[in-house]
N, C-alpha and C. Protein backbone atom coordinates (compact mmCIF):
# COMPACT_ATOMS: atom_id res chain seq x y z
N MET A 1 39.44 34.28 1.47
CA MET A 1 40.48 34.65 0.54
C MET A 1 39.94 34.48 -0.87
N GLU A 2 40.12 35.50 -1.69
CA GLU A 2 39.65 35.46 -3.08
C GLU A 2 40.84 35.53 -4.02
N SER A 3 40.76 34.81 -5.16
CA SER A 3 41.85 34.80 -6.14
C SER A 3 41.31 34.88 -7.55
N ALA A 4 42.14 35.43 -8.44
CA ALA A 4 41.84 35.46 -9.87
C ALA A 4 43.16 35.43 -10.62
N ILE A 5 43.16 34.78 -11.79
CA ILE A 5 44.35 34.75 -12.64
C ILE A 5 43.97 35.35 -13.98
N THR A 6 44.74 36.35 -14.42
CA THR A 6 44.54 36.99 -15.71
C THR A 6 45.90 37.16 -16.37
N SER A 7 46.04 36.73 -17.60
CA SER A 7 47.29 36.89 -18.36
C SER A 7 48.50 36.40 -17.58
N GLY A 8 48.34 35.30 -16.86
CA GLY A 8 49.45 34.71 -16.14
C GLY A 8 49.81 35.38 -14.83
N VAL A 9 49.02 36.34 -14.39
CA VAL A 9 49.26 37.02 -13.12
C VAL A 9 48.13 36.67 -12.16
N LYS A 10 48.50 36.10 -11.01
CA LYS A 10 47.51 35.70 -10.01
C LYS A 10 47.43 36.76 -8.92
N VAL A 11 46.21 37.19 -8.62
CA VAL A 11 45.97 38.17 -7.55
C VAL A 11 45.11 37.49 -6.50
N THR A 12 45.61 37.48 -5.27
CA THR A 12 44.89 36.89 -4.14
C THR A 12 44.73 37.97 -3.08
N VAL A 13 43.52 38.07 -2.52
CA VAL A 13 43.23 39.10 -1.51
C VAL A 13 42.66 38.44 -0.26
N ASN A 14 43.18 38.86 0.87
CA ASN A 14 42.69 38.41 2.17
C ASN A 14 42.32 39.65 2.98
N THR A 15 41.16 39.64 3.63
CA THR A 15 40.69 40.83 4.35
C THR A 15 40.47 40.53 5.83
N ARG A 16 40.44 41.61 6.61
CA ARG A 16 40.07 41.48 8.02
C ARG A 16 39.54 42.82 8.52
N TYR A 17 38.62 42.72 9.44
CA TYR A 17 38.01 43.89 10.07
C TYR A 17 38.93 44.37 11.18
N MET A 18 39.18 45.67 11.21
CA MET A 18 40.07 46.28 12.20
C MET A 18 39.20 46.86 13.32
N GLN A 19 38.79 46.01 14.23
CA GLN A 19 37.83 46.38 15.28
C GLN A 19 38.35 47.52 16.16
N GLU A 20 39.61 47.46 16.56
CA GLU A 20 40.15 48.46 17.48
C GLU A 20 40.26 49.85 16.86
N GLN A 21 40.38 49.92 15.52
CA GLN A 21 40.47 51.21 14.84
C GLN A 21 39.13 51.70 14.30
N SER A 22 38.08 50.92 14.48
CA SER A 22 36.75 51.27 13.97
C SER A 22 35.90 51.90 15.07
N GLU A 23 34.93 52.70 14.64
CA GLU A 23 33.96 53.31 15.56
C GLU A 23 32.57 53.14 14.98
N PRO A 24 31.98 51.96 15.15
CA PRO A 24 30.66 51.69 14.56
C PRO A 24 29.60 52.71 14.92
N GLY A 25 29.62 53.23 16.14
CA GLY A 25 28.62 54.22 16.56
C GLY A 25 28.71 55.51 15.77
N LYS A 26 29.86 55.76 15.16
CA LYS A 26 30.06 56.96 14.34
C LYS A 26 30.07 56.63 12.85
N GLY A 27 29.72 55.40 12.51
CA GLY A 27 29.70 55.00 11.10
C GLY A 27 31.09 54.92 10.50
N ALA A 28 32.05 54.43 11.26
CA ALA A 28 33.43 54.30 10.78
C ALA A 28 33.89 52.86 10.95
N PHE A 29 34.00 52.15 9.84
CA PHE A 29 34.41 50.75 9.83
C PHE A 29 35.68 50.64 9.00
N LEU A 30 36.76 50.16 9.60
CA LEU A 30 38.04 50.06 8.91
C LEU A 30 38.36 48.60 8.63
N PHE A 31 38.74 48.34 7.39
CA PHE A 31 39.11 46.99 6.95
C PHE A 31 40.52 47.02 6.38
N ALA A 32 41.31 46.02 6.72
CA ALA A 32 42.63 45.84 6.12
C ALA A 32 42.51 44.77 5.04
N TYR A 33 43.32 44.92 4.00
CA TYR A 33 43.38 43.87 2.99
C TYR A 33 44.83 43.64 2.59
N ASP A 34 45.18 42.36 2.51
CA ASP A 34 46.50 41.93 2.06
C ASP A 34 46.36 41.43 0.63
N VAL A 35 47.24 41.92 -0.24
CA VAL A 35 47.21 41.52 -1.64
C VAL A 35 48.51 40.78 -1.97
N PHE A 36 48.37 39.63 -2.60
CA PHE A 36 49.51 38.84 -3.06
C PHE A 36 49.41 38.76 -4.58
N ILE A 37 50.43 39.25 -5.28
CA ILE A 37 50.45 39.25 -6.74
C ILE A 37 51.58 38.34 -7.18
N THR A 38 51.23 37.24 -7.84
CA THR A 38 52.21 36.25 -8.28
C THR A 38 52.32 36.27 -9.79
N ASN A 39 53.54 36.39 -10.29
CA ASN A 39 53.79 36.38 -11.72
C ASN A 39 54.08 34.95 -12.17
N ASN A 40 53.12 34.33 -12.84
CA ASN A 40 53.28 32.97 -13.34
C ASN A 40 53.79 32.92 -14.78
N ASN A 41 54.18 34.07 -15.32
CA ASN A 41 54.70 34.15 -16.68
C ASN A 41 56.18 33.80 -16.72
N LEU A 42 56.73 33.71 -17.93
CA LEU A 42 58.15 33.44 -18.12
C LEU A 42 58.96 34.72 -18.25
N TYR A 43 58.32 35.87 -18.04
CA TYR A 43 58.97 37.17 -18.19
C TYR A 43 58.53 38.09 -17.05
N PRO A 44 59.36 39.09 -16.71
CA PRO A 44 58.98 40.03 -15.65
C PRO A 44 57.84 40.93 -16.10
N VAL A 45 57.05 41.37 -15.11
CA VAL A 45 55.99 42.36 -15.37
C VAL A 45 56.12 43.47 -14.33
N GLN A 46 55.76 44.69 -14.76
CA GLN A 46 55.80 45.83 -13.85
C GLN A 46 54.40 46.37 -13.63
N LEU A 47 54.02 46.53 -12.37
CA LEU A 47 52.71 47.08 -12.03
C LEU A 47 52.77 48.60 -12.21
N LEU A 48 51.92 49.13 -13.08
CA LEU A 48 51.92 50.56 -13.38
C LEU A 48 50.85 51.34 -12.63
N SER A 49 49.63 50.77 -12.58
CA SER A 49 48.53 51.53 -11.97
C SER A 49 47.47 50.59 -11.43
N ARG A 50 46.54 51.20 -10.67
CA ARG A 50 45.44 50.45 -10.08
C ARG A 50 44.13 51.20 -10.32
N HIS A 51 43.06 50.44 -10.35
CA HIS A 51 41.70 51.00 -10.44
C HIS A 51 40.83 50.18 -9.51
N TRP A 52 40.29 50.83 -8.49
CA TRP A 52 39.43 50.17 -7.51
C TRP A 52 38.00 50.66 -7.64
N ILE A 53 37.06 49.76 -7.47
CA ILE A 53 35.65 50.09 -7.30
C ILE A 53 35.31 49.65 -5.88
N ILE A 54 34.81 50.59 -5.08
CA ILE A 54 34.50 50.32 -3.68
C ILE A 54 33.01 50.55 -3.47
N TYR A 55 32.33 49.53 -2.97
CA TYR A 55 30.90 49.62 -2.70
C TYR A 55 30.69 49.62 -1.19
N ASP A 56 29.97 50.61 -0.72
CA ASP A 56 29.59 50.74 0.70
C ASP A 56 28.07 50.71 0.71
N SER A 57 27.47 49.81 1.47
CA SER A 57 26.02 49.61 1.39
C SER A 57 25.19 50.86 1.69
N LEU A 58 25.76 51.84 2.36
CA LEU A 58 25.01 53.06 2.69
C LEU A 58 25.33 54.26 1.79
N PHE A 59 26.31 54.12 0.89
CA PHE A 59 26.74 55.25 0.08
C PHE A 59 26.95 54.83 -1.36
N PRO A 60 26.98 55.79 -2.28
CA PRO A 60 27.26 55.44 -3.68
C PRO A 60 28.65 54.82 -3.81
N LYS A 61 28.81 54.04 -4.87
CA LYS A 61 30.12 53.41 -5.07
C LYS A 61 31.17 54.48 -5.33
N ARG A 62 32.40 54.16 -4.94
CA ARG A 62 33.55 55.04 -5.17
C ARG A 62 34.49 54.36 -6.15
N GLU A 63 35.17 55.16 -6.93
CA GLU A 63 36.22 54.64 -7.81
C GLU A 63 37.50 55.37 -7.49
N ILE A 64 38.57 54.61 -7.40
CA ILE A 64 39.88 55.18 -7.11
C ILE A 64 40.85 54.70 -8.18
N ARG A 65 41.57 55.64 -8.76
CA ARG A 65 42.60 55.33 -9.74
C ARG A 65 43.90 55.96 -9.28
N GLY A 66 44.99 55.28 -9.52
CA GLY A 66 46.27 55.85 -9.13
C GLY A 66 47.43 55.05 -9.68
N GLU A 67 48.60 55.64 -9.58
CA GLU A 67 49.82 54.98 -10.04
C GLU A 67 50.30 53.99 -8.99
N GLY A 68 50.77 52.85 -9.45
CA GLY A 68 51.37 51.87 -8.57
C GLY A 68 50.49 51.47 -7.40
N VAL A 69 51.13 50.92 -6.38
CA VAL A 69 50.45 50.55 -5.13
C VAL A 69 51.38 50.90 -3.98
N VAL A 70 50.83 51.42 -2.92
CA VAL A 70 51.57 51.83 -1.71
C VAL A 70 52.90 52.51 -2.05
N GLY A 71 52.85 53.43 -3.03
CA GLY A 71 54.03 54.20 -3.40
C GLY A 71 55.05 53.47 -4.24
N GLU A 72 54.73 52.32 -4.74
CA GLU A 72 55.67 51.52 -5.53
C GLU A 72 55.08 51.14 -6.88
N LYS A 73 55.99 50.92 -7.85
CA LYS A 73 55.65 50.33 -9.14
C LYS A 73 56.56 49.12 -9.31
N PRO A 74 56.24 48.05 -8.58
CA PRO A 74 57.18 46.93 -8.52
C PRO A 74 57.31 46.17 -9.83
N ILE A 75 58.52 45.70 -10.07
CA ILE A 75 58.76 44.74 -11.15
C ILE A 75 58.75 43.37 -10.48
N ILE A 76 57.89 42.50 -10.97
CA ILE A 76 57.73 41.17 -10.39
C ILE A 76 58.34 40.16 -11.36
N GLU A 77 59.38 39.50 -10.91
CA GLU A 77 60.09 38.52 -11.74
C GLU A 77 59.26 37.25 -11.88
N PRO A 78 59.56 36.43 -12.90
CA PRO A 78 58.83 35.17 -13.07
C PRO A 78 58.90 34.31 -11.80
N GLY A 79 57.76 33.80 -11.39
CA GLY A 79 57.69 32.94 -10.21
C GLY A 79 57.70 33.67 -8.88
N GLU A 80 57.86 34.99 -8.90
CA GLU A 80 57.90 35.75 -7.65
C GLU A 80 56.52 36.28 -7.27
N THR A 81 56.38 36.58 -5.98
CA THR A 81 55.14 37.16 -5.45
C THR A 81 55.46 38.48 -4.77
N PHE A 82 54.69 39.50 -5.11
CA PHE A 82 54.78 40.80 -4.45
C PHE A 82 53.59 40.90 -3.51
N ARG A 83 53.86 41.31 -2.27
CA ARG A 83 52.80 41.42 -1.26
C ARG A 83 52.75 42.84 -0.74
N TYR A 84 51.52 43.34 -0.54
CA TYR A 84 51.36 44.62 0.14
C TYR A 84 50.07 44.60 0.94
N GLN A 85 49.99 45.55 1.86
CA GLN A 85 48.79 45.70 2.70
C GLN A 85 48.29 47.12 2.58
N SER A 86 46.98 47.25 2.56
CA SER A 86 46.36 48.57 2.56
C SER A 86 45.06 48.49 3.36
N PHE A 87 44.34 49.60 3.36
CA PHE A 87 43.14 49.71 4.19
C PHE A 87 42.02 50.36 3.40
N CYS A 88 40.79 50.09 3.82
CA CYS A 88 39.61 50.72 3.24
C CYS A 88 38.65 51.06 4.37
N ASP A 89 38.17 52.30 4.35
CA ASP A 89 37.19 52.70 5.36
C ASP A 89 35.81 52.75 4.73
N LEU A 90 34.84 52.23 5.47
CA LEU A 90 33.44 52.25 5.03
C LEU A 90 32.61 52.98 6.08
N HIS A 91 31.43 53.43 5.65
CA HIS A 91 30.47 54.06 6.56
C HIS A 91 29.46 53.05 7.08
N SER A 92 29.51 51.84 6.53
CA SER A 92 28.61 50.78 6.97
C SER A 92 29.44 49.52 7.23
N SER A 93 28.79 48.51 7.75
CA SER A 93 29.50 47.27 8.07
C SER A 93 29.52 46.27 6.92
N ILE A 94 28.96 46.65 5.78
CA ILE A 94 28.90 45.75 4.64
C ILE A 94 29.33 46.48 3.38
N GLY A 95 30.27 45.88 2.67
CA GLY A 95 30.71 46.44 1.40
C GLY A 95 31.56 45.43 0.65
N TRP A 96 32.13 45.88 -0.46
CA TRP A 96 33.03 45.04 -1.24
C TRP A 96 33.93 45.91 -2.09
N MET A 97 34.99 45.31 -2.58
CA MET A 97 35.92 45.97 -3.50
C MET A 97 36.24 45.02 -4.64
N GLN A 98 36.60 45.61 -5.76
CA GLN A 98 37.12 44.87 -6.90
C GLN A 98 37.81 45.87 -7.81
N GLY A 99 38.50 45.39 -8.82
CA GLY A 99 39.16 46.33 -9.71
C GLY A 99 40.10 45.65 -10.66
N GLU A 100 41.12 46.42 -11.09
CA GLU A 100 42.13 45.87 -11.98
C GLU A 100 43.44 46.63 -11.82
N TYR A 101 44.50 45.91 -12.13
CA TYR A 101 45.84 46.50 -12.20
C TYR A 101 46.23 46.57 -13.66
N LEU A 102 47.05 47.56 -13.99
CA LEU A 102 47.64 47.64 -15.32
C LEU A 102 49.12 47.32 -15.17
N PHE A 103 49.56 46.31 -15.90
CA PHE A 103 50.96 45.89 -15.90
C PHE A 103 51.56 46.14 -17.28
N ARG A 104 52.88 46.31 -17.29
CA ARG A 104 53.63 46.35 -18.55
C ARG A 104 54.59 45.17 -18.51
N VAL A 105 54.67 44.47 -19.64
CA VAL A 105 55.65 43.41 -19.75
C VAL A 105 57.01 44.08 -19.78
N ASP A 106 57.88 43.71 -18.84
CA ASP A 106 59.18 44.36 -18.73
C ASP A 106 60.00 44.11 -19.99
N GLY A 107 60.55 45.17 -20.55
CA GLY A 107 61.37 45.06 -21.74
C GLY A 107 60.64 45.41 -23.02
N ASN A 108 59.32 45.56 -22.98
CA ASN A 108 58.59 46.03 -24.16
C ASN A 108 57.38 46.84 -23.71
N GLN A 109 56.55 47.21 -24.63
CA GLN A 109 55.43 48.09 -24.30
C GLN A 109 54.09 47.36 -24.19
N GLN A 110 54.10 46.03 -24.21
CA GLN A 110 52.85 45.29 -24.09
C GLN A 110 52.23 45.53 -22.72
N LEU A 111 50.94 45.87 -22.72
CA LEU A 111 50.21 46.13 -21.48
C LEU A 111 49.26 44.98 -21.17
N LEU A 112 49.11 44.69 -19.88
CA LEU A 112 48.21 43.64 -19.42
C LEU A 112 47.25 44.22 -18.40
N GLU A 113 45.95 44.04 -18.61
CA GLU A 113 44.96 44.39 -17.59
C GLU A 113 44.68 43.14 -16.78
N VAL A 114 44.91 43.24 -15.47
CA VAL A 114 44.80 42.08 -14.59
C VAL A 114 43.67 42.32 -13.59
N THR A 115 42.78 41.37 -13.49
CA THR A 115 41.61 41.49 -12.61
C THR A 115 41.99 41.35 -11.15
N ILE A 116 41.45 42.26 -10.33
CA ILE A 116 41.48 42.11 -8.88
C ILE A 116 40.12 41.52 -8.52
N PRO A 117 40.08 40.32 -7.94
CA PRO A 117 38.78 39.68 -7.70
C PRO A 117 37.94 40.46 -6.69
N LYS A 118 36.64 40.33 -6.85
CA LYS A 118 35.72 40.96 -5.90
C LYS A 118 35.88 40.28 -4.54
N PHE A 119 36.01 41.11 -3.49
CA PHE A 119 36.10 40.57 -2.14
C PHE A 119 35.23 41.38 -1.20
N GLU A 120 34.66 40.68 -0.23
CA GLU A 120 33.71 41.31 0.69
C GLU A 120 34.43 41.97 1.85
N LEU A 121 33.85 43.08 2.29
CA LEU A 121 34.29 43.79 3.49
C LEU A 121 33.10 43.78 4.43
N MET A 122 33.19 42.97 5.47
CA MET A 122 32.08 42.91 6.42
C MET A 122 32.57 42.36 7.75
N LEU A 123 31.77 42.62 8.77
CA LEU A 123 32.11 42.15 10.10
C LEU A 123 32.11 40.63 10.12
N PRO A 124 33.00 40.01 10.90
CA PRO A 124 33.07 38.54 10.93
C PRO A 124 31.72 37.88 11.23
N GLU A 125 30.94 38.48 12.12
CA GLU A 125 29.65 37.86 12.47
C GLU A 125 28.61 37.97 11.36
N GLN A 126 28.87 38.78 10.33
CA GLN A 126 27.93 38.92 9.21
C GLN A 126 28.26 37.98 8.06
N MET A 127 29.43 37.36 8.11
CA MET A 127 29.84 36.46 7.02
C MET A 127 29.10 35.14 7.13
N ASN A 128 28.79 34.57 5.97
CA ASN A 128 28.11 33.26 5.94
C ASN A 128 29.10 32.15 6.15
């Protein structure tokens, strides 16, 4: 589990290899990741967008940008945690992801760039 705190927003990521949905012989490795976003500020924040950098050891890095997460732009109240799950497919058994979220302080136009910590995507037997 990896965590980072930026501007009072804590992002924690937990990953797991989806063995039953993967086909290693065809170069298809599926990983699930759970993200927990906790607002430690005294004011609400709204998640506006995401930017991911995905590294696959056999291919060039990919960048993904988009609005919100899993179809939502949640407003996270002070002390609350928003949780979502998503997936990443790799062509190899070793990779990583990292990135940032863009938040707006609810009620004004102040923007916060919040770090998504780097986390590894690899088979359990490859982890140290």
